Amino acid sequence: MNKIDWKRKLSSRKLWAAAAGIVAGLAMVFKLDESTISSIAGAVVSVASVVSYIITEGKVDAENVRKAAGDQAD
């Protein structure tokens, strides 16, 4: 069975755009006003940006550490 790469999936902008769409759609179903819907969608996109940045930078840092450790072993 294949292991799911959660870091890659959670850093996907497509996932977070879809989540914002779902949240906005549900907000419309429950008849929230337009400014509330915009605020919620904006919050989801903002959180997605931060999460994507943190995960991506973590991967870059981990790769740099791996390369530095490899250089020292030579």
Protein backbone atom coordinates (compact mmCIF):
# COMPACT_ATOMS: atom_id res chain seq x y z
CA MET A 1 0.00 0.00 0.00
CA ASN A 2 1.31 3.47 -0.90
CA LYS A 3 2.01 5.93 1.89
CA ILE A 4 0.28 9.31 1.55
CA ASP A 5 2.59 12.33 1.45
CA TRP A 6 0.57 14.57 3.79
CA LYS A 7 3.10 17.42 3.73
CA ARG A 8 2.77 17.72 -0.04
CA LYS A 9 -1.00 17.41 0.04
CA LEU A 10 -1.44 20.02 2.80
CA SER A 11 0.81 22.48 0.99
CA SER A 12 -1.27 22.23 -2.18
CA ARG A 13 -2.83 25.53 -3.19
CA LYS A 14 -5.50 23.60 -5.08
CA LEU A 15 -6.58 21.88 -1.87
CA TRP A 16 -6.89 25.15 0.01
CA ALA A 17 -8.71 26.86 -2.88
CA ALA A 18 -11.16 23.96 -2.88
CA ALA A 19 -11.55 24.26 0.90
CA ALA A 20 -12.28 27.99 0.54
CA GLY A 21 -14.88 27.18 -2.13
CA ILE A 22 -16.55 24.59 0.08
CA VAL A 23 -16.62 26.95 3.06
CA ALA A 24 -18.02 29.78 0.92
CA GLY A 25 -20.63 27.44 -0.56
CA LEU A 26 -21.72 26.24 2.87
CA ALA A 27 -21.90 29.82 4.09
CA MET A 28 -24.27 30.63 1.23
CA VAL A 29 -26.41 27.58 2.02
CA PHE A 30 -26.75 28.78 5.60
CA LYS A 31 -27.60 32.28 4.32
CA LEU A 32 -24.72 34.17 5.88
CA ASP A 33 -24.26 37.71 4.63
CA GLU A 34 -21.82 38.47 1.85
CA SER A 35 -19.25 40.21 4.05
CA THR A 36 -19.11 37.21 6.40
CA ILE A 37 -18.61 34.85 3.46
CA SER A 38 -15.78 37.03 2.12
CA SER A 39 -14.15 37.18 5.54
CA ILE A 40 -14.30 33.41 6.01
CA ALA A 41 -12.97 32.69 2.50
CA GLY A 42 -10.19 35.24 3.05
CA ALA A 43 -9.25 33.61 6.35
CA VAL A 44 -9.08 30.15 4.74
CA VAL A 45 -6.85 31.43 1.93
CA SER A 46 -4.62 33.29 4.42
CA VAL A 47 -4.17 30.21 6.58
CA ALA A 48 -3.45 28.17 3.46
CA SER A 49 -0.72 30.59 2.41
CA VAL A 50 0.97 30.42 5.80
CA VAL A 51 0.74 26.62 6.01
CA SER A 52 2.10 26.21 2.47
CA TYR A 53 4.98 28.57 3.21
CA ILE A 54 5.92 26.81 6.46
CA ILE A 55 5.84 23.34 4.89
CA THR A 56 7.80 24.43 1.82
CA GLU A 57 10.46 26.22 3.85
CA GLY A 58 10.72 23.19 6.14
CA LYS A 59 11.42 20.98 3.12
CA VAL A 60 14.04 23.41 1.82
CA ASP A 61 15.73 23.60 5.23
CA ALA A 62 15.70 19.81 5.60
CA GLU A 63 17.31 19.41 2.17
CA ASN A 64 20.00 21.97 3.04
CA VAL A 65 20.77 20.12 6.29
CA ARG A 66 20.93 16.81 4.41
CA LYS A 67 23.34 18.28 1.85
CA ALA A 68 25.51 19.84 4.57
CA ALA A 69 25.67 16.52 6.44
CA GLY A 70 26.63 14.75 3.21
CA ASP A 71 29.40 17.26 2.53
CA GLN A 72 30.88 16.73 6.00
CA ALA A 73 30.88 12.95 5.59
CA ASP A 74 33.17 13.17 2.52
